[in-house]
């Protein structure tokens, strides 16, 4: 029986050794697969994170452009209202309507405008409130309005990224500030 026991022990040892080698091989293959899976997941995570960051940047740029366009529109309406004020006479039928339009534009610039544009529009307002009475000389007032408007327009151009252009103001010809048409 010793031979049978020896054969049994050898068979059991071989089986145990085979099972151990199989288990170690399975473990190593599984660990390698797990490492590969983790590396692939990390790589995919980096790719997805880069996509999210790119989309976030795109949305931030889009939002900034929408805000810039809103400010641009607000500034444009304010300058147009000032051009109307520049050409108004004290006895004009449109005086109340233009004054209301100006107040609306003034509030828009103060709310949505840059700090520099807001400060500049306040300087313009200080001139506008001294609108000359009927029969008084408007030249000094118009000169002050033109100077304040020029400062306002410069701050607006800086805010919205429009390169500065020389203003062509000809008060003697009755032309509105910034070379616009009446």
N, C-alpha and C. Protein backbone atom coordinates (compact mmCIF):
# COMPACT_ATOMS: atom_id res chain seq x y z
N UNK A 1 0.78 -1.20 0.00
CA UNK A 1 0.00 0.00 0.00
C UNK A 1 0.82 1.26 0.00
N UNK A 2 1.93 1.06 0.27
CA UNK A 2 2.78 2.23 0.27
C UNK A 2 2.91 2.83 -1.12
N UNK A 3 2.88 1.93 -2.11
CA UNK A 3 2.94 2.47 -3.46
C UNK A 3 1.66 3.24 -3.79
N UNK A 4 0.57 2.74 -3.34
CA UNK A 4 -0.71 3.40 -3.61
C UNK A 4 -0.75 4.74 -2.86
N UNK A 5 -0.25 4.76 -1.68
CA UNK A 5 -0.24 6.00 -0.90
C UNK A 5 0.70 7.00 -1.58
N UNK A 6 1.82 6.51 -2.03
CA UNK A 6 2.78 7.40 -2.69
C UNK A 6 2.20 7.98 -3.96
N UNK A 7 1.55 7.14 -4.74
CA UNK A 7 0.93 7.61 -5.98
C UNK A 7 -0.17 8.60 -5.64
N UNK A 8 -0.93 8.33 -4.62
CA UNK A 8 -2.01 9.22 -4.21
C UNK A 8 -1.44 10.57 -3.76
N UNK A 9 -0.37 10.48 -3.00
CA UNK A 9 0.26 11.74 -2.54
C UNK A 9 0.83 12.53 -3.72
N UNK A 10 1.43 11.85 -4.64
CA UNK A 10 2.00 12.52 -5.81
C UNK A 10 0.87 13.12 -6.65
N UNK A 11 -0.20 12.39 -6.81
CA UNK A 11 -1.34 12.88 -7.58
C UNK A 11 -1.97 14.08 -6.88
N UNK A 12 -2.12 13.96 -5.58
CA UNK A 12 -2.70 15.08 -4.82
C UNK A 12 -1.78 16.29 -4.87
N UNK A 13 -0.48 16.06 -4.73
CA UNK A 13 0.49 17.16 -4.80
C UNK A 13 0.48 17.82 -6.17
N UNK A 14 0.43 16.99 -7.21
CA UNK A 14 0.38 17.52 -8.57
C UNK A 14 -0.89 18.33 -8.78
N UNK A 15 -1.99 17.80 -8.28
CA UNK A 15 -3.26 18.53 -8.42
C UNK A 15 -3.21 19.85 -7.67
N UNK A 16 -2.65 19.77 -6.46
CA UNK A 16 -2.54 20.98 -5.65
C UNK A 16 -1.60 21.99 -6.32
N UNK A 17 -0.49 21.50 -6.85
CA UNK A 17 0.45 22.37 -7.54
C UNK A 17 -0.20 22.96 -8.79
N UNK A 18 -0.91 22.15 -9.53
CA UNK A 18 -1.60 22.62 -10.73
C UNK A 18 -2.66 23.66 -10.39
N UNK A 19 -3.39 23.38 -9.32
CA UNK A 19 -4.43 24.33 -8.89
C UNK A 19 -3.81 25.64 -8.43
N UNK A 20 -2.68 25.51 -7.71
CA UNK A 20 -2.00 26.71 -7.23
C UNK A 20 -1.46 27.52 -8.41
N UNK A 21 -0.84 26.86 -9.36
CA UNK A 21 -0.33 27.56 -10.55
C UNK A 21 -1.48 28.18 -11.32
N UNK A 22 -2.58 27.46 -11.44
CA UNK A 22 -3.76 28.01 -12.12
C UNK A 22 -4.32 29.22 -11.40
N UNK A 23 -4.36 29.12 -10.06
CA UNK A 23 -4.89 30.24 -9.27
C UNK A 23 -3.97 31.46 -9.37
N UNK A 24 -2.66 31.23 -9.30
CA UNK A 24 -1.71 32.35 -9.41
C UNK A 24 -1.81 32.97 -10.79
N UNK A 25 -1.88 32.15 -11.81
CA UNK A 25 -2.00 32.65 -13.19
C UNK A 25 -3.29 33.45 -13.34
N UNK A 26 -4.39 32.92 -12.84
CA UNK A 26 -5.67 33.62 -12.90
C UNK A 26 -5.59 34.95 -12.16
N UNK A 27 -4.96 34.93 -10.99
CA UNK A 27 -4.81 36.16 -10.21
C UNK A 27 -4.00 37.20 -10.99
N UNK A 28 -2.86 36.75 -11.55
CA UNK A 28 -2.01 37.70 -12.28
C UNK A 28 -2.72 38.24 -13.52
N UNK A 29 -3.41 37.41 -14.23
CA UNK A 29 -4.15 37.86 -15.42
C UNK A 29 -5.26 38.81 -15.00
N UNK A 30 -5.97 38.46 -13.93
CA UNK A 30 -7.05 39.33 -13.44
C UNK A 30 -6.49 40.67 -12.97
N UNK A 31 -5.37 40.65 -12.28
CA UNK A 31 -4.75 41.89 -11.81
C UNK A 31 -4.32 42.75 -13.00
N UNK A 32 -3.73 42.11 -14.01
CA UNK A 32 -3.32 42.84 -15.21
C UNK A 32 -4.53 43.42 -15.93
N UNK A 33 -5.58 42.64 -16.03
CA UNK A 33 -6.82 43.13 -16.65
C UNK A 33 -7.41 44.29 -15.83
N UNK A 34 -7.36 44.17 -14.52
CA UNK A 34 -7.88 45.23 -13.65
C UNK A 34 -7.06 46.50 -13.84
N UNK A 35 -5.73 46.34 -13.89
CA UNK A 35 -4.87 47.51 -14.12
C UNK A 35 -5.18 48.16 -15.47
N UNK A 36 -5.38 47.31 -16.47
CA UNK A 36 -5.72 47.83 -17.80
C UNK A 36 -7.06 48.55 -17.78
N UNK A 37 -8.02 47.97 -17.06
CA UNK A 37 -9.34 48.58 -16.95
C UNK A 37 -9.27 49.92 -16.22
N UNK A 38 -8.49 49.96 -15.15
CA UNK A 38 -8.32 51.21 -14.40
C UNK A 38 -7.63 52.26 -15.27
N UNK A 39 -6.59 51.86 -15.99
CA UNK A 39 -5.88 52.80 -16.87
C UNK A 39 -6.82 53.33 -17.96
N UNK A 40 -7.62 52.44 -18.53
CA UNK A 40 -8.58 52.85 -19.57
C UNK A 40 -9.62 53.80 -18.99
N UNK A 41 -10.09 53.50 -17.77
CA UNK A 41 -11.08 54.37 -17.12
C UNK A 41 -10.49 55.73 -16.81
N UNK A 42 -9.23 55.75 -16.34
CA UNK A 42 -8.57 57.03 -16.08
C UNK A 42 -8.39 57.83 -17.36
N UNK A 43 -8.01 57.16 -18.41
CA UNK A 43 -7.84 57.83 -19.70
C UNK A 43 -9.17 58.38 -20.20
N UNK A 44 -10.21 57.57 -20.10
CA UNK A 44 -11.55 58.02 -20.51
C UNK A 44 -12.02 59.17 -19.64
N UNK A 45 -11.70 59.12 -18.35
CA UNK A 45 -12.06 60.18 -17.43
C UNK A 45 -11.38 61.49 -17.84
N UNK A 46 -10.07 61.41 -18.18
CA UNK A 46 -9.35 62.61 -18.63
C UNK A 46 -9.96 63.18 -19.90
N UNK A 47 -10.33 62.30 -20.81
CA UNK A 47 -10.95 62.74 -22.06
C UNK A 47 -12.28 63.43 -21.78
N UNK A 48 -13.10 62.81 -20.96
CA UNK A 48 -14.41 63.39 -20.63
C UNK A 48 -14.26 64.71 -19.88
N UNK A 49 -13.29 64.76 -18.97
CA UNK A 49 -13.04 65.99 -18.23
C UNK A 49 -12.59 67.10 -19.18
N UNK A 50 -11.75 66.78 -20.13
CA UNK A 50 -11.32 67.77 -21.13
C UNK A 50 -12.51 68.26 -21.96
N UNK A 51 -13.41 67.35 -22.30
CA UNK A 51 -14.62 67.73 -23.05
C UNK A 51 -15.49 68.68 -22.22
N UNK A 52 -15.65 68.35 -20.94
CA UNK A 52 -16.47 69.19 -20.06
C UNK A 52 -15.83 70.56 -19.91
N UNK A 53 -14.51 70.61 -19.72
CA UNK A 53 -13.82 71.89 -19.59
C UNK A 53 -13.93 72.71 -20.87
N UNK A 54 -13.81 72.06 -22.02
CA UNK A 54 -13.94 72.77 -23.30
C UNK A 54 -15.36 73.32 -23.46
N UNK A 55 -16.35 72.52 -23.10
CA UNK A 55 -17.74 72.99 -23.19
C UNK A 55 -18.00 74.13 -22.22
N UNK A 56 -17.44 74.03 -21.02
CA UNK A 56 -17.58 75.09 -20.03
C UNK A 56 -16.95 76.38 -20.55
N UNK A 57 -15.77 76.28 -21.13
CA UNK A 57 -15.10 77.46 -21.70
C UNK A 57 -15.93 78.06 -22.82
N UNK A 58 -16.48 77.20 -23.67
CA UNK A 58 -17.30 77.68 -24.78
C UNK A 58 -18.54 78.41 -24.25
N UNK A 59 -19.19 77.83 -23.25
CA UNK A 59 -20.38 78.46 -22.69
C UNK A 59 -20.05 79.78 -21.99
N UNK A 60 -18.91 79.83 -21.29
CA UNK A 60 -18.51 81.07 -20.64
C UNK A 60 -18.23 82.15 -21.68
N UNK A 61 -17.56 81.79 -22.76
CA UNK A 61 -17.28 82.76 -23.84
C UNK A 61 -18.58 83.22 -24.48
N UNK A 62 -19.51 82.30 -24.69
CA UNK A 62 -20.81 82.65 -25.28
C UNK A 62 -21.57 83.60 -24.35
N UNK A 63 -21.55 83.30 -23.07
CA UNK A 63 -22.24 84.15 -22.10
C UNK A 63 -21.60 85.54 -22.04
N UNK A 64 -20.28 85.58 -22.05
CA UNK A 64 -19.58 86.87 -22.03
C UNK A 64 -19.91 87.68 -23.28
N UNK A 65 -20.01 87.02 -24.43
CA UNK A 65 -20.35 87.73 -25.67
C UNK A 65 -21.79 88.25 -25.62
N UNK A 66 -22.70 87.45 -25.08
CA UNK A 66 -24.09 87.91 -24.95
C UNK A 66 -24.17 89.12 -24.02
N UNK A 67 -23.42 89.08 -22.93
CA UNK A 67 -23.41 90.23 -22.02
C UNK A 67 -22.80 91.46 -22.69
N UNK A 68 -21.73 91.25 -23.46
CA UNK A 68 -21.09 92.37 -24.18
C UNK A 68 -22.08 92.98 -25.19
N UNK A 69 -22.79 92.14 -25.90
CA UNK A 69 -23.77 92.65 -26.87
C UNK A 69 -24.92 93.39 -26.17
N UNK A 70 -25.33 92.90 -25.00
CA UNK A 70 -26.37 93.59 -24.25
C UNK A 70 -25.88 94.98 -23.83
N UNK A 71 -24.65 95.05 -23.33
CA UNK A 71 -24.09 96.36 -22.94
C UNK A 71 -23.96 97.25 -24.17
N UNK A 72 -23.53 96.67 -25.28
CA UNK A 72 -23.38 97.45 -26.52
C UNK A 72 -24.72 98.06 -26.92
N UNK A 73 -25.77 97.27 -26.86
CA UNK A 73 -27.10 97.76 -27.21
C UNK A 73 -27.56 98.85 -26.24
N UNK A 74 -27.30 98.64 -24.95
CA UNK A 74 -27.66 99.63 -23.94
C UNK A 74 -26.92 100.95 -24.21
N UNK A 75 -25.63 100.84 -24.47
CA UNK A 75 -24.83 102.04 -24.75
C UNK A 75 -25.32 102.75 -26.02
N UNK A 76 -25.65 101.96 -27.03
CA UNK A 76 -26.12 102.55 -28.28
C UNK A 76 -27.41 103.35 -28.07
N UNK A 77 -28.33 102.78 -27.32
CA UNK A 77 -29.58 103.49 -27.03
C UNK A 77 -29.30 104.77 -26.24
N UNK A 78 -28.34 104.72 -25.31
CA UNK A 78 -28.00 105.91 -24.52
C UNK A 78 -27.42 107.00 -25.41
N UNK A 79 -26.52 106.64 -26.30
CA UNK A 79 -25.92 107.64 -27.20
C UNK A 79 -26.99 108.21 -28.13
N UNK A 80 -27.88 107.37 -28.63
CA UNK A 80 -28.96 107.85 -29.50
C UNK A 80 -29.86 108.83 -28.74
N UNK A 81 -30.17 108.52 -27.49
CA UNK A 81 -31.00 109.43 -26.68
C UNK A 81 -30.26 110.75 -26.45
N UNK A 82 -28.97 110.69 -26.21
CA UNK A 82 -28.19 111.92 -26.01
C UNK A 82 -28.14 112.75 -27.29
N UNK A 83 -28.07 112.09 -28.42
CA UNK A 83 -28.10 112.83 -29.68
C UNK A 83 -29.44 113.55 -29.86
N UNK A 84 -30.50 112.91 -29.44
CA UNK A 84 -31.82 113.56 -29.49
C UNK A 84 -31.86 114.75 -28.54
N UNK A 85 -31.31 114.58 -27.34
CA UNK A 85 -31.28 115.67 -26.36
C UNK A 85 -30.47 116.84 -26.91
N UNK A 86 -29.35 116.53 -27.55
CA UNK A 86 -28.46 117.55 -28.11
C UNK A 86 -29.22 118.46 -29.07
N UNK A 87 -30.11 117.91 -29.85
CA UNK A 87 -30.84 118.69 -30.85
C UNK A 87 -32.17 119.25 -30.38
N UNK A 88 -32.56 118.97 -29.14
CA UNK A 88 -33.86 119.43 -28.63
C UNK A 88 -33.85 120.92 -28.30
N UNK A 89 -34.99 121.51 -28.46
CA UNK A 89 -35.22 122.87 -27.99
C UNK A 89 -36.07 122.77 -26.72
N UNK A 90 -35.97 123.76 -25.86
CA UNK A 90 -36.69 123.73 -24.58
C UNK A 90 -38.20 123.66 -24.77
N UNK A 91 -38.70 124.21 -25.85
CA UNK A 91 -40.15 124.22 -26.07
C UNK A 91 -40.61 123.07 -26.97
N UNK A 92 -39.76 122.09 -27.18
CA UNK A 92 -40.07 120.97 -28.06
C UNK A 92 -41.21 120.13 -27.48
N UNK A 93 -42.09 119.67 -28.35
CA UNK A 93 -43.17 118.78 -27.94
C UNK A 93 -42.64 117.42 -27.48
N UNK A 94 -41.46 117.06 -27.93
CA UNK A 94 -40.86 115.76 -27.60
C UNK A 94 -40.06 115.77 -26.31
N UNK A 95 -39.98 116.91 -25.65
CA UNK A 95 -39.09 117.04 -24.49
C UNK A 95 -39.37 115.98 -23.42
N UNK A 96 -40.61 115.78 -23.04
CA UNK A 96 -40.93 114.81 -21.99
C UNK A 96 -40.64 113.37 -22.44
N UNK A 97 -40.96 113.07 -23.68
CA UNK A 97 -40.70 111.72 -24.20
C UNK A 97 -39.19 111.45 -24.25
N UNK A 98 -38.42 112.42 -24.73
CA UNK A 98 -36.97 112.25 -24.82
C UNK A 98 -36.37 112.16 -23.42
N UNK A 99 -36.88 112.95 -22.49
CA UNK A 99 -36.38 112.90 -21.11
C UNK A 99 -36.65 111.52 -20.50
N UNK A 100 -37.82 110.97 -20.74
CA UNK A 100 -38.14 109.63 -20.22
C UNK A 100 -37.24 108.57 -20.87
N UNK A 101 -37.03 108.71 -22.15
CA UNK A 101 -36.14 107.78 -22.87
C UNK A 101 -34.72 107.85 -22.28
N UNK A 102 -34.26 109.09 -22.02
CA UNK A 102 -32.93 109.26 -21.45
C UNK A 102 -32.83 108.62 -20.06
N UNK A 103 -33.85 108.81 -19.23
CA UNK A 103 -33.82 108.22 -17.88
C UNK A 103 -33.74 106.69 -17.97
N UNK A 104 -34.47 106.12 -18.91
CA UNK A 104 -34.44 104.68 -19.12
C UNK A 104 -33.03 104.24 -19.53
N UNK A 105 -32.42 104.96 -20.45
CA UNK A 105 -31.07 104.63 -20.91
C UNK A 105 -30.05 104.83 -19.80
N UNK A 106 -30.19 105.89 -19.05
CA UNK A 106 -29.28 106.18 -17.94
C UNK A 106 -29.31 105.02 -16.94
N UNK A 107 -30.50 104.56 -16.60
CA UNK A 107 -30.62 103.43 -15.66
C UNK A 107 -29.98 102.18 -16.25
N UNK A 108 -30.18 101.94 -17.52
CA UNK A 108 -29.58 100.77 -18.17
C UNK A 108 -28.07 100.78 -18.09
N UNK A 109 -27.47 101.93 -18.35
CA UNK A 109 -26.01 102.03 -18.28
C UNK A 109 -25.54 101.85 -16.84
N UNK A 110 -26.26 102.44 -15.90
CA UNK A 110 -25.86 102.32 -14.50
C UNK A 110 -25.97 100.86 -14.01
N UNK A 111 -26.94 100.13 -14.52
CA UNK A 111 -27.13 98.75 -14.09
C UNK A 111 -26.20 97.79 -14.83
N UNK A 112 -26.15 97.90 -16.14
CA UNK A 112 -25.45 96.91 -16.96
C UNK A 112 -24.07 97.34 -17.44
N UNK A 113 -23.76 98.62 -17.36
CA UNK A 113 -22.51 99.13 -17.91
C UNK A 113 -21.31 98.85 -17.02
N UNK A 114 -20.16 99.07 -17.62
CA UNK A 114 -18.92 98.92 -16.86
C UNK A 114 -18.84 100.05 -15.84
N UNK A 115 -17.92 99.93 -14.92
CA UNK A 115 -17.75 100.98 -13.90
C UNK A 115 -17.36 102.29 -14.56
N UNK A 116 -16.46 102.24 -15.54
CA UNK A 116 -16.02 103.46 -16.22
C UNK A 116 -17.18 104.11 -16.99
N UNK A 117 -17.98 103.30 -17.68
CA UNK A 117 -19.12 103.84 -18.43
C UNK A 117 -20.16 104.41 -17.47
N UNK A 118 -20.37 103.76 -16.34
CA UNK A 118 -21.33 104.25 -15.35
C UNK A 118 -20.90 105.60 -14.78
N UNK A 119 -19.61 105.72 -14.48
CA UNK A 119 -19.11 107.01 -13.98
C UNK A 119 -19.21 108.09 -15.06
N UNK A 120 -18.89 107.72 -16.29
CA UNK A 120 -18.95 108.70 -17.38
C UNK A 120 -20.38 109.14 -17.66
N UNK A 121 -21.34 108.21 -17.57
CA UNK A 121 -22.72 108.58 -17.85
C UNK A 121 -23.27 109.48 -16.73
N UNK A 122 -22.74 109.32 -15.53
CA UNK A 122 -23.13 110.24 -14.45
C UNK A 122 -22.65 111.66 -14.74
N UNK A 123 -21.46 111.78 -15.34
CA UNK A 123 -20.97 113.10 -15.75
C UNK A 123 -21.86 113.69 -16.83
N UNK A 124 -22.31 112.84 -17.75
CA UNK A 124 -23.23 113.30 -18.79
C UNK A 124 -24.53 113.78 -18.15
N UNK A 125 -25.04 113.03 -17.19
CA UNK A 125 -26.29 113.38 -16.53
C UNK A 125 -26.19 114.74 -15.85
N UNK A 126 -25.04 115.04 -15.28
CA UNK A 126 -24.87 116.34 -14.63
C UNK A 126 -25.01 117.49 -15.64
N UNK A 127 -24.64 117.25 -16.88
CA UNK A 127 -24.83 118.26 -17.93
C UNK A 127 -26.28 118.27 -18.40
N UNK A 128 -26.85 117.07 -18.61
CA UNK A 128 -28.22 116.97 -19.13
C UNK A 128 -29.22 117.68 -18.20
N UNK A 129 -29.05 117.55 -16.89
CA UNK A 129 -30.01 118.17 -15.97
C UNK A 129 -29.97 119.70 -16.03
N UNK A 130 -28.94 120.23 -16.61
CA UNK A 130 -28.86 121.69 -16.78
C UNK A 130 -29.29 122.11 -18.17
N UNK A 131 -30.23 121.36 -18.75
CA UNK A 131 -30.75 121.64 -20.08
C UNK A 131 -31.17 123.12 -20.14
N UNK A 132 -30.70 123.84 -21.16
CA UNK A 132 -30.96 125.28 -21.20
C UNK A 132 -32.45 125.61 -21.42
N UNK A 133 -32.88 126.62 -20.71
CA UNK A 133 -34.27 127.09 -20.85
C UNK A 133 -34.43 127.76 -22.20
N UNK A 134 -35.67 127.88 -22.61
CA UNK A 134 -35.99 128.52 -23.89
C UNK A 134 -35.43 129.94 -23.91
N UNK A 135 -34.75 130.28 -24.99
CA UNK A 135 -34.24 131.63 -25.16
C UNK A 135 -32.85 131.84 -24.60
N UNK A 136 -32.27 130.84 -23.95
CA UNK A 136 -30.92 131.00 -23.41
C UNK A 136 -29.90 130.47 -24.42
N UNK A 137 -28.66 130.91 -24.25
CA UNK A 137 -27.59 130.49 -25.14
C UNK A 137 -27.25 129.02 -24.87
N UNK A 138 -27.33 128.20 -25.90
CA UNK A 138 -27.11 126.77 -25.77
C UNK A 138 -25.66 126.38 -26.04
N UNK A 139 -24.86 127.27 -26.58
CA UNK A 139 -23.50 126.91 -27.02
C UNK A 139 -22.66 126.32 -25.89
N UNK A 140 -22.65 126.98 -24.74
CA UNK A 140 -21.85 126.50 -23.61
C UNK A 140 -22.36 125.13 -23.16
N UNK A 141 -23.68 124.99 -23.04
CA UNK A 141 -24.26 123.72 -22.62
C UNK A 141 -23.93 122.62 -23.62
N UNK A 142 -24.07 122.91 -24.91
CA UNK A 142 -23.76 121.90 -25.92
C UNK A 142 -22.28 121.50 -25.87
N UNK A 143 -21.40 122.47 -25.64
CA UNK A 143 -19.98 122.15 -25.52
C UNK A 143 -19.71 121.23 -24.34
N UNK A 144 -20.38 121.50 -23.21
CA UNK A 144 -20.23 120.62 -22.04
C UNK A 144 -20.80 119.23 -22.32
N UNK A 145 -21.93 119.20 -23.02
CA UNK A 145 -22.54 117.91 -23.36
C UNK A 145 -21.62 117.12 -24.29
N UNK A 146 -21.06 117.78 -25.26
CA UNK A 146 -20.15 117.11 -26.20
C UNK A 146 -18.94 116.55 -25.45
N UNK A 147 -18.37 117.32 -24.56
CA UNK A 147 -17.20 116.86 -23.79
C UNK A 147 -17.57 115.65 -22.94
N UNK A 148 -18.69 115.72 -22.25
CA UNK A 148 -19.12 114.60 -21.40
C UNK A 148 -19.45 113.37 -22.25
N UNK A 149 -20.11 113.59 -23.38
CA UNK A 149 -20.44 112.47 -24.27
C UNK A 149 -19.18 111.82 -24.83
N UNK A 150 -18.20 112.62 -25.17
CA UNK A 150 -16.95 112.07 -25.71
C UNK A 150 -16.28 111.16 -24.69
N UNK A 151 -16.29 111.58 -23.44
CA UNK A 151 -15.73 110.75 -22.37
C UNK A 151 -16.54 109.47 -22.21
N UNK A 152 -17.86 109.60 -22.25
CA UNK A 152 -18.74 108.43 -22.15
C UNK A 152 -18.49 107.47 -23.30
N UNK A 153 -18.43 107.99 -24.52
CA UNK A 153 -18.22 107.14 -25.69
C UNK A 153 -16.86 106.45 -25.62
N UNK A 154 -15.83 107.15 -25.14
CA UNK A 154 -14.51 106.52 -25.00
C UNK A 154 -14.57 105.36 -24.01
N UNK A 155 -15.27 105.54 -22.89
CA UNK A 155 -15.37 104.46 -21.90
C UNK A 155 -16.19 103.30 -22.45
N UNK A 156 -17.19 103.60 -23.25
CA UNK A 156 -18.01 102.56 -23.88
C UNK A 156 -17.17 101.75 -24.85
N UNK A 157 -16.41 102.45 -25.68
CA UNK A 157 -15.57 101.74 -26.66
C UNK A 157 -14.56 100.84 -25.96
N UNK A 158 -14.01 101.31 -24.87
CA UNK A 158 -13.06 100.49 -24.12
C UNK A 158 -13.76 99.24 -23.57
N UNK A 159 -14.97 99.41 -23.06
CA UNK A 159 -15.70 98.29 -22.47
C UNK A 159 -16.07 97.24 -23.50
N UNK A 160 -16.58 97.65 -24.64
CA UNK A 160 -17.07 96.66 -25.61
C UNK A 160 -16.02 96.26 -26.63
N UNK A 161 -14.81 96.82 -26.50
CA UNK A 161 -13.72 96.39 -27.36
C UNK A 161 -13.75 96.96 -28.76
N UNK A 162 -14.36 98.12 -28.92
CA UNK A 162 -14.39 98.79 -30.21
C UNK A 162 -13.23 99.77 -30.26
N UNK A 163 -12.40 99.70 -31.27
CA UNK A 163 -11.28 100.65 -31.32
C UNK A 163 -11.79 102.09 -31.38
N UNK A 164 -11.05 102.97 -30.76
CA UNK A 164 -11.43 104.37 -30.74
C UNK A 164 -11.42 104.99 -32.12
N UNK A 165 -12.39 105.83 -32.36
CA UNK A 165 -12.48 106.56 -33.62
C UNK A 165 -12.53 108.03 -33.25
N UNK A 166 -11.94 108.88 -34.05
CA UNK A 166 -12.05 110.30 -33.74
C UNK A 166 -13.50 110.77 -33.90
N UNK A 167 -13.93 111.61 -33.01
CA UNK A 167 -15.29 112.13 -33.11
C UNK A 167 -15.27 113.33 -34.03
N UNK A 168 -16.32 113.46 -34.80
CA UNK A 168 -16.43 114.62 -35.69
C UNK A 168 -17.65 115.41 -35.23
N UNK A 169 -17.40 116.36 -34.37
CA UNK A 169 -18.48 117.13 -33.78
C UNK A 169 -18.41 118.54 -34.37
N UNK A 170 -19.52 118.95 -34.93
CA UNK A 170 -19.57 120.29 -35.51
C UNK A 170 -20.81 121.00 -34.98
N UNK A 171 -20.71 121.55 -33.75
CA UNK A 171 -21.89 122.19 -33.16
C UNK A 171 -22.40 123.36 -33.98
N UNK A 172 -21.53 124.05 -34.67
CA UNK A 172 -21.97 125.21 -35.45
C UNK A 172 -22.91 124.77 -36.57
N UNK A 173 -22.69 123.60 -37.10
CA UNK A 173 -23.54 123.10 -38.17
C UNK A 173 -24.75 122.36 -37.62
N UNK A 174 -24.85 122.29 -36.30
CA UNK A 174 -26.01 121.62 -35.70
C UNK A 174 -25.90 120.12 -35.73
N UNK A 175 -24.71 119.59 -36.06
CA UNK A 175 -24.53 118.16 -36.11
C UNK A 175 -24.46 117.56 -34.72
N UNK A 176 -25.02 116.40 -34.53
CA UNK A 176 -24.99 115.76 -33.22
C UNK A 176 -23.60 115.25 -32.90
N UNK A 177 -23.29 115.05 -31.64
CA UNK A 177 -21.99 114.50 -31.25
C UNK A 177 -21.74 113.13 -31.86
N UNK A 178 -20.48 112.82 -32.01
CA UNK A 178 -19.99 111.55 -32.54
C UNK A 178 -20.29 111.39 -34.01
N UNK A 179 -20.56 112.46 -34.71
CA UNK A 179 -20.69 112.42 -36.15
C UNK A 179 -21.90 111.69 -36.67
N UNK A 180 -22.86 111.38 -35.82
CA UNK A 180 -24.07 110.69 -36.28
C UNK A 180 -24.98 111.63 -37.03
N UNK A 181 -25.98 111.10 -37.64
CA UNK A 181 -26.93 111.95 -38.37
C UNK A 181 -28.04 112.37 -37.42
N UNK A 182 -28.60 113.54 -37.64
CA UNK A 182 -29.67 114.03 -36.74
C UNK A 182 -30.88 113.15 -36.74
